[in-house]
Amino acid sequence: MEDSYVETKVEALEDNRTKVTVTVDAADIDARIKKTYKDFANKYNFPGFRKGKAPRPIIDNALGAEAVRATVTDDVVNGTYPLAIDDCDLYPIAKPEFDETDLVDLPFHSDFRALPHESPGAKCVI
């Protein structure tokens, strides 16, 4: 599935820290949730159901209600964060610190130390 996002906002903080806010398209999140449920239904065996045919409530009961949400959140953050950083011409020099991110909060935030930069890329909003 293609990694896409709608907008990236860059905010310069003190001490060469930068806060990046990435907003992801809600339709993309919904498609990823559907795909993850299908993947889990095919990957795991659920008693009483053929492979790939388990409904969502059965998957949630067996794996935990947050398993799909956590998997999709990780995929979205790991897929869009590097793209957003590249598009904004940012160069992190330390490991980013992410806010507690869940799909309810579609924009996710990252805070990190970065090299100073002159101007952001075309998709960035300051």
Protein backbone atom coordinates (compact mmCIF):
# COMPACT_ATOMS: atom_id res chain seq x y z
CA MET A 1 0.00 0.00 0.00
CA GLU A 2 1.35 3.39 -0.94
CA ASP A 3 2.44 5.64 1.90
CA SER A 4 0.65 8.94 1.60
CA TYR A 5 -0.02 11.90 3.77
CA VAL A 6 -1.83 15.16 3.31
CA GLU A 7 0.27 17.77 5.03
CA THR A 8 3.40 18.26 7.08
CA LYS A 9 3.83 21.16 9.48
CA VAL A 10 7.28 22.07 10.74
CA GLU A 11 7.74 24.11 13.89
CA ALA A 12 11.16 25.29 15.03
CA LEU A 13 11.64 24.96 18.78
CA GLU A 14 14.49 26.22 20.92
CA ASP A 15 17.89 24.52 21.03
CA ASN A 16 17.76 23.28 17.41
CA ARG A 17 14.75 21.11 18.18
CA THR A 18 12.11 20.69 15.52
CA LYS A 19 8.51 19.57 15.86
CA VAL A 20 7.00 17.88 12.82
CA THR A 21 3.25 17.28 12.57
CA VAL A 22 2.12 14.89 9.85
CA THR A 23 -1.54 14.66 8.88
CA VAL A 24 -2.60 11.43 7.20
CA ASP A 25 -5.64 11.03 4.94
CA ALA A 26 -8.55 9.36 6.79
CA ALA A 27 -9.43 7.27 3.72
CA ASP A 28 -5.88 5.87 3.74
CA ILE A 29 -6.25 4.91 7.41
CA ASP A 30 -9.57 3.16 6.72
CA ALA A 31 -8.06 1.22 3.81
CA ARG A 32 -5.11 0.16 5.96
CA ILE A 33 -7.43 -1.04 8.74
CA LYS A 34 -9.42 -3.16 6.26
CA LYS A 35 -6.23 -4.61 4.79
CA THR A 36 -4.80 -5.41 8.22
CA TYR A 37 -7.97 -7.28 9.26
CA LYS A 38 -7.73 -9.32 6.03
CA ASP A 39 -4.04 -10.00 6.63
CA PHE A 40 -4.72 -11.15 10.22
CA ALA A 41 -7.60 -13.37 9.04
CA ASN A 42 -5.24 -15.03 6.55
CA LYS A 43 -2.25 -15.22 8.88
CA TYR A 44 -3.86 -16.76 11.97
CA ASN A 45 -6.16 -19.77 12.42
CA PHE A 46 -9.42 -18.97 14.17
CA PRO A 47 -11.40 -22.02 15.34
CA GLY A 48 -14.67 -22.44 13.47
CA PHE A 49 -13.63 -20.30 10.49
CA ARG A 50 -11.85 -21.07 7.25
CA LYS A 51 -8.53 -19.36 6.68
CA GLY A 52 -9.15 -15.73 5.73
CA LYS A 53 -12.87 -15.78 6.64
CA ALA A 54 -12.88 -14.73 10.30
CA PRO A 55 -15.00 -11.61 10.99
CA ARG A 56 -13.63 -8.54 12.76
CA PRO A 57 -15.18 -9.26 16.19
CA ILE A 58 -13.57 -12.72 16.27
CA ILE A 59 -10.18 -11.26 15.35
CA ASP A 60 -10.55 -8.56 18.01
CA ASN A 61 -11.51 -11.15 20.67
CA ALA A 62 -8.65 -13.48 19.79
CA LEU A 63 -5.83 -10.96 19.31
CA GLY A 64 -7.04 -8.08 21.44
CA ALA A 65 -9.04 -5.06 20.37
CA GLU A 66 -5.91 -2.93 19.97
CA ALA A 67 -3.84 -5.34 17.85
CA VAL A 68 -5.08 -4.02 14.51
CA ARG A 69 -4.97 -0.37 15.61
CA ALA A 70 -1.41 -0.75 16.92
CA THR A 71 -0.25 -2.48 13.73
CA VAL A 72 -1.80 0.18 11.49
CA THR A 73 -0.44 3.01 13.64
CA ASP A 74 3.08 1.56 13.46
CA ASP A 75 2.79 1.09 9.69
CA VAL A 76 1.53 4.64 9.14
CA VAL A 77 4.17 6.28 11.32
CA ASN A 78 7.02 4.16 9.95
CA GLY A 79 5.87 4.73 6.37
CA THR A 80 5.06 8.43 6.37
CA TYR A 81 7.63 9.85 8.80
CA PRO A 82 10.68 9.30 6.54
CA LEU A 83 8.79 10.70 3.55
CA ALA A 84 7.75 13.80 5.48
CA ILE A 85 11.30 14.39 6.74
CA ASP A 86 12.71 14.04 3.20
CA ASP A 87 10.06 16.33 1.68
CA CYS A 88 10.82 19.03 4.25
CA ASP A 89 14.59 18.76 3.77
CA LEU A 90 15.14 18.10 7.47
CA TYR A 91 18.20 16.30 8.80
CA PRO A 92 17.59 14.79 12.24
CA ILE A 93 20.73 14.34 14.32
CA ALA A 94 19.02 12.52 17.18
CA LYS A 95 16.39 9.85 17.57
CA PRO A 96 12.88 11.31 17.21
CA GLU A 97 10.49 11.31 20.14
CA PHE A 98 6.93 10.56 19.05
CA ASP A 99 3.88 11.61 21.01
CA GLU A 100 1.62 8.77 22.07
CA THR A 101 0.02 8.20 18.71
CA ASP A 102 -3.26 6.45 18.04
CA LEU A 103 -5.43 6.52 14.97
CA VAL A 104 -7.98 8.66 16.79
CA ASP A 105 -5.43 11.47 16.62
CA LEU A 106 -4.77 11.45 12.88
CA PRO A 107 -1.99 13.99 12.91
CA PHE A 108 1.04 12.53 14.64
CA HIS A 109 3.83 14.60 16.15
CA SER A 110 7.56 14.04 16.28
CA ASP A 111 10.12 16.10 18.19
CA PHE A 112 13.85 15.83 17.43
CA ARG A 113 17.13 17.71 17.22
CA ALA A 114 17.94 18.67 13.65
CA LEU A 115 20.53 20.53 11.68
CA PRO A 116 19.40 24.09 11.02
CA HIS A 117 17.84 24.50 7.60
CA GLU A 118 17.17 27.47 5.35
CA SER A 119 13.76 26.70 3.86
CA PRO A 120 11.40 23.75 3.96
CA GLY A 121 10.41 21.63 0.99
CA ALA A 122 7.34 22.25 -1.17
CA LYS A 123 4.89 20.15 0.88
CA CYS A 124 5.80 21.67 4.23
CA VAL A 125 3.95 24.36 6.12
CA ILE A 126 5.77 26.44 8.70
